[in-house]
Protein backbone atom coordinates (compact mmCIF):
# COMPACT_ATOMS: atom_id res chain seq x y z
CA UNK A 1 1.01 -19.33 -42.01
CA UNK A 2 1.05 -16.81 -44.72
CA UNK A 3 2.99 -13.53 -44.21
CA UNK A 4 -0.27 -11.41 -43.47
CA UNK A 5 -1.34 -14.00 -40.67
CA UNK A 6 2.02 -13.81 -39.13
CA UNK A 7 2.21 -9.94 -39.27
CA UNK A 8 -1.25 -9.93 -37.69
CA UNK A 9 -0.53 -12.30 -34.93
CA UNK A 10 2.88 -10.90 -33.99
CA UNK A 11 1.36 -7.50 -33.76
CA UNK A 12 -1.30 -8.66 -31.45
CA UNK A 13 1.22 -9.23 -28.88
CA UNK A 14 1.62 -6.40 -26.18
CA UNK A 15 4.17 -3.72 -27.33
CA UNK A 16 5.11 -5.16 -30.44
CA UNK A 17 6.47 -2.92 -33.34
CA UNK A 18 7.59 -3.83 -36.93
CA UNK A 19 10.24 -2.59 -39.17
CA UNK A 20 12.27 -3.01 -42.31
CA UNK A 21 15.77 -4.07 -41.91
CA UNK A 22 18.42 -5.04 -44.50
CA UNK A 23 16.22 -3.54 -47.11
CA UNK A 24 13.64 -6.45 -47.50
CA UNK A 25 13.10 -8.07 -44.10
CA UNK A 26 10.20 -7.57 -42.18
CA UNK A 27 11.27 -7.64 -38.30
CA UNK A 28 9.12 -7.89 -35.41
CA UNK A 29 10.41 -6.57 -32.05
CA UNK A 30 9.67 -6.09 -28.50
CA UNK A 31 11.34 -3.45 -26.63
CA UNK A 32 13.52 -2.81 -29.86
CA UNK A 33 14.80 -6.46 -29.79
CA UNK A 34 13.78 -8.80 -32.70
CA UNK A 35 11.91 -11.79 -32.06
CA UNK A 36 10.76 -12.74 -35.45
CA UNK A 37 12.36 -12.08 -38.99
CA UNK A 38 10.73 -12.87 -42.29
CA UNK A 39 10.60 -11.62 -45.82
CA UNK A 40 7.70 -10.01 -47.61
CA UNK A 41 6.41 -12.92 -49.56
CA UNK A 42 4.34 -15.97 -48.32
CA UNK A 43 7.06 -18.51 -49.11
CA UNK A 44 9.84 -16.34 -47.37
CA UNK A 45 11.85 -18.03 -44.69
CA UNK A 46 10.81 -17.15 -41.08
CA UNK A 47 13.21 -16.81 -38.13
CA UNK A 48 12.65 -16.79 -34.42
CA UNK A 49 14.04 -17.85 -31.00
CA UNK A 50 13.37 -21.04 -29.26
CA UNK A 51 14.48 -22.65 -26.10
CA UNK A 52 17.65 -24.88 -25.87
CA UNK A 53 15.66 -28.06 -25.82
CA UNK A 54 13.47 -27.15 -28.80
CA UNK A 55 16.20 -25.82 -30.85
CA UNK A 56 17.68 -29.52 -31.23
CA UNK A 57 14.26 -31.31 -31.81
CA UNK A 58 13.08 -28.82 -34.43
CA UNK A 59 16.25 -28.45 -36.51
CA UNK A 60 15.79 -32.27 -36.94
CA UNK A 61 12.50 -31.74 -38.72
CA UNK A 62 12.14 -31.35 -42.43
CA UNK A 63 11.84 -27.76 -43.46
CA UNK A 64 13.55 -26.16 -40.28
CA UNK A 65 17.22 -25.24 -40.07
CA UNK A 66 19.46 -23.51 -37.45
CA UNK A 67 18.90 -20.00 -38.63
CA UNK A 68 22.04 -18.31 -40.41
CA UNK A 69 23.95 -15.93 -38.14
CA UNK A 70 21.51 -16.41 -35.23
CA UNK A 71 21.96 -20.28 -34.60
CA UNK A 72 24.29 -19.61 -31.69
CA UNK A 73 21.49 -17.85 -29.95
CA UNK A 74 19.04 -20.78 -30.60
CA UNK A 75 17.12 -19.30 -33.51
CA UNK A 76 15.65 -21.51 -36.04
CA UNK A 77 15.05 -20.69 -39.54
CA UNK A 78 11.54 -22.23 -41.02
CA UNK A 79 12.41 -22.68 -44.87
CA UNK A 80 9.00 -24.26 -45.50
CA UNK A 81 6.26 -22.76 -43.62
CA UNK A 82 4.00 -26.00 -43.73
CA UNK A 83 6.63 -27.48 -41.47
CA UNK A 84 4.63 -26.23 -38.61
CA UNK A 85 0.86 -26.46 -37.80
CA UNK A 86 -1.10 -23.15 -37.23
CA UNK A 87 -1.18 -23.81 -33.18
CA UNK A 88 2.59 -24.54 -33.43
CA UNK A 89 3.14 -21.07 -35.16
CA UNK A 90 1.34 -19.54 -32.41
CA UNK A 91 3.05 -21.34 -29.69
CA UNK A 92 6.62 -20.55 -31.06
CA UNK A 93 6.04 -16.95 -32.06
CA UNK A 94 4.46 -16.09 -28.57
CA UNK A 95 7.39 -18.15 -26.76
CA UNK A 96 9.95 -16.13 -29.04
CA UNK A 97 8.24 -12.92 -28.03
CA UNK A 98 8.57 -14.09 -24.14
CA UNK A 99 11.99 -15.42 -24.45
CA UNK A 100 13.27 -11.79 -25.96
CA UNK A 101 11.06 -9.96 -23.58
CA UNK A 102 12.63 -11.56 -20.59
CA UNK A 103 16.02 -10.48 -21.48
CA UNK A 104 15.08 -6.78 -21.70
CA UNK A 105 15.77 -4.43 -18.85
CA UNK A 106 13.28 -4.59 -15.85
CA UNK A 107 12.06 -1.14 -16.57
CA UNK A 108 11.13 -1.90 -20.25
CA UNK A 109 9.56 -5.17 -18.95
CA UNK A 110 7.36 -3.36 -16.55
CA UNK A 111 6.26 -0.94 -19.17
CA UNK A 112 5.10 -4.04 -21.15
CA UNK A 113 2.98 -5.44 -18.45
């Protein structure tokens, strides 16, 4: 998935905003909480949150590592974008969005309905 497709998909999710952090990281947020981080180039690493079970299995795959600084919160880093198929990208991005959204205050979650 190239950066433009990733951006378009993330922004299609309800209530998602984007921003630039740390000078050159494109971040996608729901309720001001990040659920996906990438660089500006198509070969940039991508990081997102996964379930505990998926964290173990995904990080065993070639091209996927525990995300630096975020692994303790079950974030993975995709170092080679071809490590995931297009449908997997959609699944994991949507799931990351839902995992992060679920931790938001109830009032914020209700506004996203």
